[in-house]
Amino acid sequence: MVEITAFGAQKALEILTKNDKMNAAVRVFVKSGGCSGYSYGMAIDDRVLDGDQFFESNGVKVVVDKMSLPFLEGAMVDYVENMMGGGFSVVSNPNATSNCGCGHSFRTDGKVAPEGEDGVSCH
């Protein structure tokens, strides 16, 4: 299961309502790349792809594709606001063995994070 925080759900509902996409879901996915090996992606999506897994959390539909699910099982998504703006972010992922300092990429292989990760700024 992939969950979304109460605040993240509130923001998702605002976006869904504003864009008249109340049947859409927050799609969370993993792609290769980033300074740690994998990076997170999130989008509002009303498509249904083969193998999609749907969850409901705090009144919001969350969807994860079958390839990303093993990397995201048990993850928590939130909406994070900072000086650069706001957006959805994975704030907790029990499958990550190390995280990039920017919070957008992670590793799952148990190796020590390269320099620039685990709290140090990424470039």
PDB file of N, CA and C in Angstrom:
ATOM      1  N   MET A   1       0.838  -1.184   0.000  1.00  0.00           N
ATOM      2  CA  MET A   1       0.000   0.000   0.000  1.00  0.00           C
ATOM      3  C   MET A   1       0.881   1.244   0.000  1.00  0.00           C
ATOM      4  N   VAL A   2       0.461   2.246  -0.735  1.00  0.00           N
ATOM      5  CA  VAL A   2       1.106   3.559  -0.751  1.00  0.00           C
ATOM      6  C   VAL A   2       0.077   4.545  -0.208  1.00  0.00           C
ATOM      7  N   GLU A   3       0.494   5.363   0.749  1.00  0.00           N
ATOM      8  CA  GLU A   3      -0.427   6.277   1.409  1.00  0.00           C
ATOM      9  C   GLU A   3      -0.068   7.729   1.124  1.00  0.00           C
ATOM     10  N   ILE A   4      -1.019   8.602   1.404  1.00  0.00           N
ATOM     11  CA  ILE A   4      -0.811  10.042   1.287  1.00  0.00           C
ATOM     12  C   ILE A   4      -1.237  10.667   2.610  1.00  0.00           C
ATOM     13  N   THR A   5      -0.475  11.645   3.075  1.00  0.00           N
ATOM     14  CA  THR A   5      -0.795  12.296   4.337  1.00  0.00           C
ATOM     15  C   THR A   5      -2.095  13.088   4.216  1.00  0.00           C
ATOM     16  N   ALA A   6      -2.647  13.477   5.351  1.00  0.00           N
ATOM     17  CA  ALA A   6      -3.883  14.274   5.352  1.00  0.00           C
ATOM     18  C   ALA A   6      -3.672  15.592   4.612  1.00  0.00           C
ATOM     19  N   PHE A   7      -2.530  16.260   4.851  1.00  0.00           N
ATOM     20  CA  PHE A   7      -2.251  17.516   4.162  1.00  0.00           C
ATOM     21  C   PHE A   7      -2.060  17.284   2.665  1.00  0.00           C
ATOM     22  N   GLY A   8      -1.347  16.220   2.306  1.00  0.00           N
ATOM     23  CA  GLY A   8      -1.166  15.883   0.897  1.00  0.00           C
ATOM     24  C   GLY A   8      -2.489  15.591   0.217  1.00  0.00           C
ATOM     25  N   ALA A   9      -3.383  14.894   0.929  1.00  0.00           N
ATOM     26  CA  ALA A   9      -4.705  14.594   0.382  1.00  0.00           C
ATOM     27  C   ALA A   9      -5.511  15.875   0.180  1.00  0.00           C
ATOM     28  N   GLN A  10      -5.415  16.784   1.128  1.00  0.00           N
ATOM     29  CA  GLN A  10      -6.121  18.069   1.004  1.00  0.00           C
ATOM     30  C   GLN A  10      -5.647  18.814  -0.234  1.00  0.00           C
ATOM     31  N   LYS A  11      -4.341  18.884  -0.429  1.00  0.00           N
ATOM     32  CA  LYS A  11      -3.789  19.573  -1.602  1.00  0.00           C
ATOM     33  C   LYS A  11      -4.179  18.850  -2.891  1.00  0.00           C
ATOM     34  N   ALA A  12      -4.154  17.519  -2.880  1.00  0.00           N
ATOM     35  CA  ALA A  12      -4.533  16.754  -4.071  1.00  0.00           C
ATOM     36  C   ALA A  12      -5.989  17.027  -4.432  1.00  0.00           C
ATOM     37  N   LEU A  13      -6.867  17.053  -3.444  1.00  0.00           N
ATOM     38  CA  LEU A  13      -8.279  17.330  -3.708  1.00  0.00           C
ATOM     39  C   LEU A  13      -8.468  18.738  -4.271  1.00  0.00           C
ATOM     40  N   GLU A  14      -7.688  19.702  -3.780  1.00  0.00           N
ATOM     41  CA  GLU A  14      -7.757  21.070  -4.322  1.00  0.00           C
ATOM     42  C   GLU A  14      -7.364  21.071  -5.798  1.00  0.00           C
ATOM     43  N   ILE A  15      -6.292  20.371  -6.131  1.00  0.00           N
ATOM     44  CA  ILE A  15      -5.810  20.321  -7.520  1.00  0.00           C
ATOM     45  C   ILE A  15      -6.821  19.590  -8.398  1.00  0.00           C
ATOM     46  N   LEU A  16      -7.334  18.467  -7.915  1.00  0.00           N
ATOM     47  CA  LEU A  16      -8.308  17.699  -8.689  1.00  0.00           C
ATOM     48  C   LEU A  16      -9.566  18.513  -8.956  1.00  0.00           C
ATOM     49  N   THR A  17     -10.039  19.235  -7.944  1.00  0.00           N
ATOM     50  CA  THR A  17     -11.242  20.059  -8.090  1.00  0.00           C
ATOM     51  C   THR A  17     -10.993  21.207  -9.063  1.00  0.00           C
ATOM     52  N   LYS A  18      -9.862  21.882  -8.888  1.00  0.00           N
ATOM     53  CA  LYS A  18      -9.514  23.033  -9.739  1.00  0.00           C
ATOM     54  C   LYS A  18      -9.427  22.639 -11.211  1.00  0.00           C
ATOM     55  N   ASN A  19      -8.932  21.441 -11.479  1.00  0.00           N
ATOM     56  CA  ASN A  19      -8.752  20.973 -12.851  1.00  0.00           C
ATOM     57  C   ASN A  19      -9.881  20.082 -13.333  1.00  0.00           C
ATOM     58  N   ASP A  20     -10.957  20.014 -12.562  1.00  0.00           N
ATOM     59  CA  ASP A  20     -12.136  19.214 -12.916  1.00  0.00           C
ATOM     60  C   ASP A  20     -11.736  17.776 -13.250  1.00  0.00           C
ATOM     61  N   LYS A  21     -10.929  17.174 -12.378  1.00  0.00           N
ATOM     62  CA  LYS A  21     -10.441  15.809 -12.580  1.00  0.00           C
ATOM     63  C   LYS A  21     -10.744  14.948 -11.356  1.00  0.00           C
ATOM     64  N   MET A  22     -11.951  15.031 -10.853  1.00  0.00           N
ATOM     65  CA  MET A  22     -12.287  14.326  -9.617  1.00  0.00           C
ATOM     66  C   MET A  22     -12.198  12.799  -9.746  1.00  0.00           C
ATOM     67  N   ASN A  23     -12.162  12.274 -10.945  1.00  0.00           N
ATOM     68  CA  ASN A  23     -12.007  10.824 -11.123  1.00  0.00           C
ATOM     69  C   ASN A  23     -10.544  10.418 -11.287  1.00  0.00           C
ATOM     70  N   ALA A  24      -9.649  11.370 -11.271  1.00  0.00           N
ATOM     71  CA  ALA A  24      -8.225  11.088 -11.438  1.00  0.00           C
ATOM     72  C   ALA A  24      -7.610  10.649 -10.101  1.00  0.00           C
ATOM     73  N   ALA A  25      -6.363  10.242 -10.160  1.00  0.00           N
ATOM     74  CA  ALA A  25      -5.632   9.783  -8.984  1.00  0.00           C
ATOM     75  C   ALA A  25      -4.267  10.459  -8.946  1.00  0.00           C
ATOM     76  N   VAL A  26      -3.630  10.403  -7.808  1.00  0.00           N
ATOM     77  CA  VAL A  26      -2.236  10.829  -7.701  1.00  0.00           C
ATOM     78  C   VAL A  26      -1.406   9.616  -8.108  1.00  0.00           C
ATOM     79  N   ARG A  27      -0.726   9.713  -9.246  1.00  0.00           N
ATOM     80  CA  ARG A  27       0.126   8.618  -9.723  1.00  0.00           C
ATOM     81  C   ARG A  27       1.520   8.822  -9.146  1.00  0.00           C
ATOM     82  N   VAL A  28       2.024   7.789  -8.486  1.00  0.00           N
ATOM     83  CA  VAL A  28       3.370   7.809  -7.915  1.00  0.00           C
ATOM     84  C   VAL A  28       4.171   6.749  -8.648  1.00  0.00           C
ATOM     85  N   PHE A  29       5.364   7.105  -9.118  1.00  0.00           N
ATOM     86  CA  PHE A  29       6.161   6.152  -9.881  1.00  0.00           C
ATOM     87  C   PHE A  29       7.643   6.352  -9.608  1.00  0.00           C
ATOM     88  N   VAL A  30       8.406   5.371 -10.022  1.00  0.00           N
ATOM     89  CA  VAL A  30       9.859   5.380  -9.871  1.00  0.00           C
ATOM     90  C   VAL A  30      10.457   5.278 -11.257  1.00  0.00           C
ATOM     91  N   LYS A  31      11.515   6.046 -11.488  1.00  0.00           N
ATOM     92  CA  LYS A  31      12.227   5.949 -12.758  1.00  0.00           C
ATOM     93  C   LYS A  31      13.720   5.929 -12.478  1.00  0.00           C
ATOM     94  N   SER A  32      14.477   5.374 -13.399  1.00  0.00           N
ATOM     95  CA  SER A  32      15.936   5.362 -13.254  1.00  0.00           C
ATOM     96  C   SER A  32      16.448   6.773 -13.386  1.00  0.00           C
ATOM     97  N   GLY A  33      17.462   7.085 -12.585  1.00  0.00           N
ATOM     98  CA  GLY A  33      18.077   8.394 -12.672  1.00  0.00           C
ATOM     99  C   GLY A  33      18.210   9.040 -11.317  1.00  0.00           C
ATOM    100  N   GLY A  34      18.613  10.276 -11.335  1.00  0.00           N
ATOM    101  CA  GLY A  34      18.873  10.977 -10.089  1.00  0.00           C
ATOM    102  C   GLY A  34      20.255  10.621  -9.590  1.00  0.00           C
ATOM    103  N   CYS A  35      20.718  11.344  -8.606  1.00  0.00           N
ATOM    104  CA  CYS A  35      22.081  11.134  -8.125  1.00  0.00           C
ATOM    105  C   CYS A  35      22.217   9.877  -7.282  1.00  0.00           C
ATOM    106  N   SER A  36      21.118   9.210  -6.959  1.00  0.00           N
ATOM    107  CA  SER A  36      21.203   7.993  -6.150  1.00  0.00           C
ATOM    108  C   SER A  36      20.816   6.728  -6.903  1.00  0.00           C
ATOM    109  N   GLY A  37      20.355   6.827  -8.121  1.00  0.00           N
ATOM    110  CA  GLY A  37      20.019   5.642  -8.895  1.00  0.00           C
ATOM    111  C   GLY A  37      18.577   5.587  -9.344  1.00  0.00           C
ATOM    112  N   TYR A  38      17.648   5.930  -8.455  1.00  0.00           N
ATOM    113  CA  TYR A  38      16.233   5.978  -8.785  1.00  0.00           C
ATOM    114  C   TYR A  38      15.692   7.324  -8.365  1.00  0.00           C
ATOM    115  N   SER A  39      14.689   7.803  -9.077  1.00  0.00           N
ATOM    116  CA  SER A  39      14.050   9.045  -8.671  1.00  0.00           C
ATOM    117  C   SER A  39      12.538   8.860  -8.671  1.00  0.00           C
ATOM    118  N   TYR A  40      11.894   9.667  -7.844  1.00  0.00           N
ATOM    119  CA  TYR A  40      10.443   9.628  -7.714  1.00  0.00           C
ATOM    120  C   TYR A  40       9.795  10.518  -8.763  1.00  0.00           C
ATOM    121  N   GLY A  41       8.612  10.134  -9.165  1.00  0.00           N
ATOM    122  CA  GLY A  41       7.792  10.964 -10.027  1.00  0.00           C
ATOM    123  C   GLY A  41       6.363  10.933  -9.528  1.00  0.00           C
ATOM    124  N   MET A  42       5.666  12.034  -9.683  1.00  0.00           N
ATOM    125  CA  MET A  42       4.273  12.112  -9.266  1.00  0.00           C
ATOM    126  C   MET A  42       3.503  12.989 -10.225  1.00  0.00           C
ATOM    127  N   ALA A  43       2.249  12.634 -10.456  1.00  0.00           N
ATOM    128  CA  ALA A  43       1.410  13.399 -11.374  1.00  0.00           C
ATOM    129  C   ALA A  43      -0.054  13.099 -11.080  1.00  0.00           C
ATOM    130  N   ILE A  44      -0.898  14.021 -11.461  1.00  0.00           N
ATOM    131  CA  ILE A  44      -2.335  13.774 -11.439  1.00  0.00           C
ATOM    132  C   ILE A  44      -2.648  13.058 -12.749  1.00  0.00           C
ATOM    133  N   ASP A  45      -3.289  11.903 -12.659  1.00  0.00           N
ATOM    134  CA  ASP A  45      -3.465  11.071 -13.855  1.00  0.00           C
ATOM    135  C   ASP A  45      -4.839  10.404 -13.834  1.00  0.00           C
ATOM    136  N   ASP A  46      -5.539  10.476 -14.961  1.00  0.00           N
ATOM    137  CA  ASP A  46      -6.834   9.804 -15.058  1.00  0.00           C
ATOM    138  C   ASP A  46      -6.775   8.575 -15.967  1.00  0.00           C
ATOM    139  N   ARG A  47      -5.556   8.169 -16.342  1.00  0.00           N
ATOM    140  CA  ARG A  47      -5.382   6.965 -17.160  1.00  0.00           C
ATOM    141  C   ARG A  47      -5.344   5.722 -16.263  1.00  0.00           C
ATOM    142  N   VAL A  48      -5.688   4.598 -16.828  1.00  0.00           N
ATOM    143  CA  VAL A  48      -5.523   3.313 -16.166  1.00  0.00           C
ATOM    144  C   VAL A  48      -4.616   2.479 -17.064  1.00  0.00           C
ATOM    145  N   LEU A  49      -3.447   2.135 -16.544  1.00  0.00           N
ATOM    146  CA  LEU A  49      -2.480   1.354 -17.299  1.00  0.00           C
ATOM    147  C   LEU A  49      -2.526  -0.107 -16.847  1.00  0.00           C
ATOM    148  N   ASP A  50      -2.140  -1.005 -17.720  1.00  0.00           N
ATOM    149  CA  ASP A  50      -2.123  -2.420 -17.393  1.00  0.00           C
ATOM    150  C   ASP A  50      -1.251  -2.667 -16.162  1.00  0.00           C
ATOM    151  N   GLY A  51      -1.803  -3.312 -15.168  1.00  0.00           N
ATOM    152  CA  GLY A  51      -1.048  -3.640 -13.962  1.00  0.00           C
ATOM    153  C   GLY A  51      -1.086  -2.587 -12.878  1.00  0.00           C
ATOM    154  N   ASP A  52      -1.778  -1.482 -13.093  1.00  0.00           N
ATOM    155  CA  ASP A  52      -1.873  -0.439 -12.067  1.00  0.00           C
ATOM    156  C   ASP A  52      -2.491  -0.989 -10.785  1.00  0.00           C
ATOM    157  N   GLN A  53      -1.967  -0.538  -9.673  1.00  0.00           N
ATOM    158  CA  GLN A  53      -2.516  -0.857  -8.357  1.00  0.00           C
ATOM    159  C   GLN A  53      -3.092   0.425  -7.778  1.00  0.00           C
ATOM    160  N   PHE A  54      -4.349   0.381  -7.357  1.00  0.00           N
ATOM    161  CA  PHE A  54      -5.020   1.554  -6.804  1.00  0.00           C
ATOM    162  C   PHE A  54      -5.176   1.406  -5.300  1.00  0.00           C
ATOM    163  N   PHE A  55      -4.973   2.512  -4.596  1.00  0.00           N
ATOM    164  CA  PHE A  55      -5.151   2.578  -3.159  1.00  0.00           C
ATOM    165  C   PHE A  55      -5.974   3.817  -2.858  1.00  0.00           C
ATOM    166  N   GLU A  56      -6.667   3.807  -1.740  1.00  0.00           N
ATOM    167  CA  GLU A  56      -7.343   5.023  -1.301  1.00  0.00           C
ATOM    168  C   GLU A  56      -6.764   5.389   0.049  1.00  0.00           C
ATOM    169  N   SER A  57      -6.375   6.642   0.179  1.00  0.00           N
ATOM    170  CA  SER A  57      -5.766   7.123   1.413  1.00  0.00           C
ATOM    171  C   SER A  57      -6.255   8.527   1.692  1.00  0.00           C
ATOM    172  N   ASN A  58      -6.831   8.734   2.834  1.00  0.00           N
ATOM    173  CA  ASN A  58      -7.354  10.052   3.228  1.00  0.00           C
ATOM    174  C   ASN A  58      -8.289  10.631   2.174  1.00  0.00           C
ATOM    175  N   GLY A  59      -9.099   9.757   1.556  1.00  0.00           N
ATOM    176  CA  GLY A  59     -10.096  10.204   0.595  1.00  0.00           C
ATOM    177  C   GLY A  59      -9.578  10.478  -0.802  1.00  0.00           C
ATOM    178  N   VAL A  60      -8.329  10.129  -1.074  1.00  0.00           N
ATOM    179  CA  VAL A  60      -7.724  10.376  -2.395  1.00  0.00           C
ATOM    180  C   VAL A  60      -7.270   9.049  -2.994  1.00  0.00           C
ATOM    181  N   LYS A  61      -7.508   8.890  -4.298  1.00  0.00           N
ATOM    182  CA  LYS A  61      -7.011   7.711  -5.000  1.00  0.00           C
ATOM    183  C   LYS A  61      -5.522   7.906  -5.291  1.00  0.00           C
ATOM    184  N   VAL A  62      -4.759   6.868  -4.998  1.00  0.00           N
ATOM    185  CA  VAL A  62      -3.333   6.831  -5.305  1.00  0.00           C
ATOM    186  C   VAL A  62      -3.129   5.635  -6.218  1.00  0.00           C
ATOM    187  N   VAL A  63      -2.383   5.812  -7.301  1.00  0.00           N
ATOM    188  CA  VAL A  63      -2.143   4.718  -8.241  1.00  0.00           C
ATOM    189  C   VAL A  63      -0.634   4.550  -8.442  1.00  0.00           C
ATOM    190  N   VAL A  64      -0.220   3.276  -8.510  1.00  0.00           N
ATOM    191  CA  VAL A  64       1.191   2.934  -8.707  1.00  0.00           C
ATOM    192  C   VAL A  64       1.254   1.858  -9.770  1.00  0.00           C
ATOM    193  N   ASP A  65       2.148   2.025 -10.744  1.00  0.00           N
ATOM    194  CA  ASP A  65       2.297   1.009 -11.789  1.00  0.00           C
ATOM    195  C   ASP A  65       3.005  -0.220 -11.222  1.00  0.00           C
ATOM    196  N   LYS A  66       2.851  -1.344 -11.917  1.00  0.00           N
ATOM    197  CA  LYS A  66       3.362  -2.616 -11.406  1.00  0.00           C
ATOM    198  C   LYS A  66       4.888  -2.653 -11.279  1.00  0.00           C
ATOM    199  N   MET A  67       5.609  -1.910 -12.099  1.00  0.00           N
ATOM    200  CA  MET A  67       7.072  -1.900 -12.012  1.00  0.00           C
ATOM    201  C   MET A  67       7.558  -1.070 -10.819  1.00  0.00           C
ATOM    202  N   SER A  68       6.813  -0.035 -10.463  1.00  0.00           N
ATOM    203  CA  SER A  68       7.217   0.850  -9.369  1.00  0.00           C
ATOM    204  C   SER A  68       6.808   0.328  -7.997  1.00  0.00           C
ATOM    205  N   LEU A  69       5.774  -0.493  -7.946  1.00  0.00           N
ATOM    206  CA  LEU A  69       5.225  -0.909  -6.657  1.00  0.00           C
ATOM    207  C   LEU A  69       6.251  -1.543  -5.716  1.00  0.00           C
ATOM    208  N   PRO A  70       7.122  -2.448  -6.176  1.00  0.00           N
ATOM    209  CA  PRO A  70       8.092  -3.025  -5.230  1.00  0.00           C
ATOM    210  C   PRO A  70       9.007  -1.974  -4.584  1.00  0.00           C
ATOM    211  N   PHE A  71       9.249  -0.867  -5.276  1.00  0.00           N
ATOM    212  CA  PHE A  71      10.102   0.195  -4.746  1.00  0.00           C
ATOM    213  C   PHE A  71       9.348   1.125  -3.801  1.00  0.00           C
ATOM    214  N   LEU A  72       8.005   1.109  -3.888  1.00  0.00           N
ATOM    215  CA  LEU A  72       7.195   2.083  -3.162  1.00  0.00           C
ATOM    216  C   LEU A  72       6.282   1.473  -2.096  1.00  0.00           C
ATOM    217  N   GLU A  73       6.248   0.155  -1.994  1.00  0.00           N
ATOM    218  CA  GLU A  73       5.370  -0.499  -1.020  1.00  0.00           C
ATOM    219  C   GLU A  73       5.634   0.068   0.378  1.00  0.00           C
ATOM    220  N   GLY A  74       4.585   0.605   0.994  1.00  0.00           N
ATOM    221  CA  GLY A  74       4.699   1.172   2.339  1.00  0.00           C
ATOM    222  C   GLY A  74       5.132   2.632   2.382  1.00  0.00           C
ATOM    223  N   ALA A  75       5.282   3.263   1.222  1.00  0.00           N
ATOM    224  CA  ALA A  75       5.740   4.654   1.163  1.00  0.00           C
ATOM    225  C   ALA A  75       4.620   5.623   1.560  1.00  0.00           C
ATOM    226  N   MET A  76       5.032   6.792   2.023  1.00  0.00           N
ATOM    227  CA  MET A  76       4.112   7.868   2.399  1.00  0.00           C
ATOM    228  C   MET A  76       4.411   9.080   1.530  1.00  0.00           C
ATOM    229  N   VAL A  77       3.374   9.600   0.885  1.00  0.00           N
ATOM    230  CA  VAL A  77       3.481  10.775   0.024  1.00  0.00           C
ATOM    231  C   VAL A  77       2.896  11.963   0.777  1.00  0.00           C
ATOM    232  N   ASP A  78       3.513  13.118   0.626  1.00  0.00           N
ATOM    233  CA  ASP A  78       3.013  14.340   1.243  1.00  0.00           C
ATOM    234  C   ASP A  78       3.120  15.468   0.222  1.00  0.00           C
ATOM    235  N   TYR A  79       2.489  16.573   0.534  1.00  0.00           N
ATOM    236  CA  TYR A  79       2.646  17.789  -0.259  1.00  0.00           C
ATOM    237  C   TYR A  79       3.559  18.688   0.553  1.00  0.00           C
ATOM    238  N   VAL A  80       4.673  19.054  -0.014  1.00  0.00           N
ATOM    239  CA  VAL A  80       5.686  19.822   0.699  1.00  0.00           C
ATOM    240  C   VAL A  80       5.757  21.219   0.112  1.00  0.00           C
ATOM    241  N   GLU A  81       5.665  22.224   0.972  1.00  0.00           N
ATOM    242  CA  GLU A  81       5.800  23.617   0.549  1.00  0.00           C
ATOM    243  C   GLU A  81       7.113  24.163   1.095  1.00  0.00           C
ATOM    244  N   ASN A  82       7.835  24.866   0.218  1.00  0.00           N
ATOM    245  CA  ASN A  82       9.076  25.508   0.640  1.00  0.00           C
ATOM    246  C   ASN A  82       9.271  26.786  -0.166  1.00  0.00           C
ATOM    247  N   MET A  83      10.422  27.402  -0.035  1.00  0.00           N
ATOM    248  CA  MET A  83      10.676  28.685  -0.715  1.00  0.00           C
ATOM    249  C   MET A  83      10.645  28.541  -2.236  1.00  0.00           C
ATOM    250  N   MET A  84      10.857  27.353  -2.740  1.00  0.00           N
ATOM    251  CA  MET A  84      10.860  27.123  -4.186  1.00  0.00           C
ATOM    252  C   MET A  84       9.461  26.844  -4.718  1.00  0.00           C
ATOM    253  N   GLY A  85       8.475  26.763  -3.830  1.00  0.00           N
ATOM    254  CA  GLY A  85       7.105  26.463  -4.241  1.00  0.00           C
ATOM    255  C   GLY A  85       6.600  25.251  -3.488  1.00  0.00           C
ATOM    256  N   GLY A  86       5.779  24.462  -4.130  1.00  0.00           N
ATOM    257  CA  GLY A  86       5.234  23.275  -3.490  1.00  0.00           C
ATOM    258  C   GLY A  86       5.045  22.162  -4.480  1.00  0.00           C
ATOM    259  N   GLY A  87       4.929  20.958  -3.943  1.00  0.00           N
ATOM    260  CA  GLY A  87       4.685  19.816  -4.798  1.00  0.00           C
ATOM    261  C   GLY A  87       4.632  18.536  -3.993  1.00  0.00           C
ATOM    262  N   PHE A  88       4.221  17.467  -4.643  1.00  0.00           N
ATOM    263  CA  PHE A  88       4.141  16.178  -3.985  1.00  0.00           C
ATOM    264  C   PHE A  88       5.533  15.577  -3.867  1.00  0.00           C
ATOM    265  N   SER A  89       5.767  14.911  -2.752  1.00  0.00           N
ATOM    266  CA  SER A  89       7.067  14.321  -2.500  1.00  0.00           C
ATOM    267  C   SER A  89       6.889  13.071  -1.641  1.00  0.00           C
ATOM    268  N   VAL A  90       7.702  12.057  -1.885  1.00  0.00           N
ATOM    269  CA  VAL A  90       7.712  10.886  -1.010  1.00  0.00           C
ATOM    270  C   VAL A  90       8.517  11.272   0.226  1.00  0.00           C
ATOM    271  N   VAL A  91       7.854  11.269   1.370  1.00  0.00           N
ATOM    272  CA  VAL A  91       8.519  11.696   2.594  1.00  0.00           C
ATOM    273  C   VAL A  91       9.009  10.523   3.425  1.00  0.00           C
ATOM    274  N   SER A  92       8.538   9.335   3.111  1.00  0.00           N
ATOM    275  CA  SER A  92       8.967   8.152   3.834  1.00  0.00           C
ATOM    276  C   SER A  92       8.861   6.956   2.903  1.00  0.00           C
ATOM    277  N   ASN A  93       9.975   6.252   2.730  1.00  0.00           N
ATOM    278  CA  ASN A  93       9.974   5.062   1.883  1.00  0.00           C
ATOM    279  C   ASN A  93      10.791   3.981   2.592  1.00  0.00           C
ATOM    280  N   PRO A  94      10.128   2.973   3.161  1.00  0.00           N
ATOM    281  CA  PRO A  94      10.855   1.932   3.891  1.00  0.00           C
ATOM    282  C   PRO A  94      11.759   1.077   3.006  1.00  0.00           C
ATOM    283  N   ASN A  95      11.617   1.180   1.684  1.00  0.00           N
ATOM    284  CA  ASN A  95      12.440   0.397   0.767  1.00  0.00           C
ATOM    285  C   ASN A  95      13.756   1.087   0.414  1.00  0.00           C
ATOM    286  N   ALA A  96      13.872   2.364   0.723  1.00  0.00           N
ATOM    287  CA  ALA A  96      15.086   3.122   0.405  1.00  0.00           C
ATOM    288  C   ALA A  96      16.153   2.841   1.450  1.00  0.00           C
ATOM    289  N   THR A  97      17.349   2.472   1.008  1.00  0.00           N
ATOM    290  CA  THR A  97      18.451   2.247   1.931  1.00  0.00           C
ATOM    291  C   THR A  97      19.281   3.509   2.121  1.00  0.00           C
ATOM    292  N   SER A  98      19.166   4.445   1.198  1.00  0.00           N
ATOM    293  CA  SER A  98      19.774   5.769   1.348  1.00  0.00           C
ATOM    294  C   SER A  98      19.022   6.729   0.438  1.00  0.00           C
ATOM    295  N   ASN A  99      19.044   8.000   0.820  1.00  0.00           N
ATOM    296  CA  ASN A  99      18.335   9.035   0.076  1.00  0.00           C
ATOM    297  C   ASN A  99      19.288  10.157  -0.282  1.00  0.00           C
ATOM    298  N   CYS A 100      19.017  10.780  -1.404  1.00  0.00           N
ATOM    299  CA  CYS A 100      19.770  11.946  -1.821  1.00  0.00           C
ATOM    300  C   CYS A 100      19.395  13.117  -0.918  1.00  0.00           C
ATOM    301  N   GLY A 101      20.289  14.024  -0.706  1.00  0.00           N
ATOM    302  CA  GLY A 101      20.013  15.194   0.121  1.00  0.00           C
ATOM    303  C   GLY A 101      18.884  16.045  -0.406  1.00  0.00           C
ATOM    304  N   CYS A 102      18.640  16.017  -1.708  1.00  0.00           N
ATOM    305  CA  CYS A 102      17.552  16.802  -2.288  1.00  0.00           C
ATOM    306  C   CYS A 102      16.193  16.145  -2.053  1.00  0.00           C
ATOM    307  N   GLY A 103      16.182  14.862  -1.656  1.00  0.00           N
ATOM    308  CA  GLY A 103      14.941  14.159  -1.380  1.00  0.00           C
ATOM    309  C   GLY A 103      14.231  13.616  -2.594  1.00  0.00           C
ATOM    310  N   HIS A 104      14.825  13.750  -3.778  1.00  0.00           N
ATOM    311  CA  HIS A 104      14.158  13.321  -5.000  1.00  0.00           C
ATOM    312  C   HIS A 104      14.680  12.004  -5.548  1.00  0.00           C
ATOM    313  N   SER A 105      15.759  11.489  -4.982  1.00  0.00           N
ATOM    314  CA  SER A 105      16.267  10.209  -5.480  1.00  0.00           C
ATOM    315  C   SER A 105      16.696   9.337  -4.306  1.00  0.00           C
ATOM    316  N   PHE A 106      16.822   8.030  -4.592  1.00  0.00           N
ATOM    317  CA  PHE A 106      17.101   7.077  -3.528  1.00  0.00           C
ATOM    318  C   PHE A 106      17.787   5.844  -4.083  1.00  0.00           C
ATOM    319  N   ARG A 107      18.296   5.017  -3.170  1.00  0.00           N
ATOM    320  CA  ARG A 107      18.913   3.734  -3.501  1.00  0.00           C
ATOM    321  C   ARG A 107      18.172   2.649  -2.742  1.00  0.00           C
ATOM    322  N   THR A 108      18.223   1.434  -3.277  1.00  0.00           N
ATOM    323  CA  THR A 108      17.611   0.301  -2.591  1.00  0.00           C
ATOM    324  C   THR A 108      18.597  -0.842  -2.399  1.00  0.00           C
ATOM    325  N   ASP A 109      19.842  -0.667  -2.808  1.00  0.00           N
ATOM    326  CA  ASP A 109      20.795  -1.766  -2.807  1.00  0.00           C
ATOM    327  C   ASP A 109      21.595  -1.908  -1.526  1.00  0.00           C
ATOM    328  N   GLY A 110      21.390  -1.046  -0.544  1.00  0.00           N
ATOM    329  CA  GLY A 110      22.101  -1.144   0.721  1.00  0.00           C
ATOM    330  C   GLY A 110      23.500  -0.578   0.699  1.00  0.00           C
ATOM    331  N   LYS A 111      23.957  -0.105  -0.459  1.00  0.00           N
ATOM    332  CA  LYS A 111      25.302   0.471  -0.543  1.00  0.00           C
ATOM    333  C   LYS A 111      25.336   1.827   0.139  1.00  0.00           C
ATOM    334  N   VAL A 112      26.510   2.211   0.582  1.00  0.00           N
ATOM    335  CA  VAL A 112      26.690   3.522   1.186  1.00  0.00           C
ATOM    336  C   VAL A 112      26.419   4.583   0.134  1.00  0.00           C
ATOM    337  N   ALA A 113      25.728   5.626   0.529  1.00  0.00           N
ATOM    338  CA  ALA A 113      25.392   6.700  -0.401  1.00  0.00           C
ATOM    339  C   ALA A 113      26.651   7.411  -0.868  1.00  0.00           C
ATOM    340  N   PRO A 114      26.729   7.717  -2.172  1.00  0.00           N
ATOM    341  CA  PRO A 114      27.871   8.491  -2.677  1.00  0.00           C
ATOM    342  C   PRO A 114      27.899   9.875  -2.034  1.00  0.00           C
ATOM    343  N   GLU A 115      29.046  10.525  -2.085  1.00  0.00           N
ATOM    344  CA  GLU A 115      29.168  11.873  -1.545  1.00  0.00           C
ATOM    345  C   GLU A 115      28.107  12.771  -2.190  1.00  0.00           C
ATOM    346  N   GLY A 116      27.479  13.610  -1.401  1.00  0.00           N
ATOM    347  CA  GLY A 116      26.418  14.463  -1.902  1.00  0.00           C
ATOM    348  C   GLY A 116      25.042  13.943  -1.537  1.00  0.00           C
ATOM    349  N   GLU A 117      24.981  12.806  -0.859  1.00  0.00           N
ATOM    350  CA  GLU A 117      23.701  12.240  -0.461  1.00  0.00           C
ATOM    351  C   GLU A 117      23.564  12.247   1.054  1.00  0.00           C
ATOM    352  N   ASP A 118      22.431  11.776   1.520  1.00  0.00           N
ATOM    353  CA  ASP A 118      22.105  11.679   2.929  1.00  0.00           C
ATOM    354  C   ASP A 118      22.293  12.990   3.667  1.00  0.00           C
ATOM    355  N   GLY A 119      21.557  14.014   3.204  1.00  0.00           N
ATOM    356  CA  GLY A 119      21.531  15.268   3.906  1.00  0.00           C
ATOM    357  C   GLY A 119      22.451  16.332   3.328  1.00  0.00           C
ATOM    358  N   VAL A 120      23.362  15.949   2.468  1.00  0.00           N
ATOM    359  CA  VAL A 120      24.239  16.912   1.833  1.00  0.00           C
ATOM    360  C   VAL A 120      23.610  17.280   0.495  1.00  0.00           C
ATOM    361  N   SER A 121      23.695  18.539   0.112  1.00  0.00           N
ATOM    362  CA  SER A 121      23.040  19.002  -1.120  1.00  0.00           C
ATOM    363  C   SER A 121      23.500  18.242  -2.344  1.00  0.00           C
ATOM    364  N   CYS A 122      22.546  17.980  -3.217  1.00  0.00           N
ATOM    365  CA  CYS A 122      22.845  17.363  -4.511  1.00  0.00           C
ATOM    366  C   CYS A 122      23.056  18.459  -5.538  1.00  0.00           C
ATOM    367  N   HIS A 123      23.770  18.137  -6.557  1.00  0.00           N
ATOM    368  CA  HIS A 123      24.005  19.114  -7.627  1.00  0.00           C
ATOM    369  C   HIS A 123      23.562  18.536  -8.941  1.00  0.00           C
TER     370      HIS A 123
END
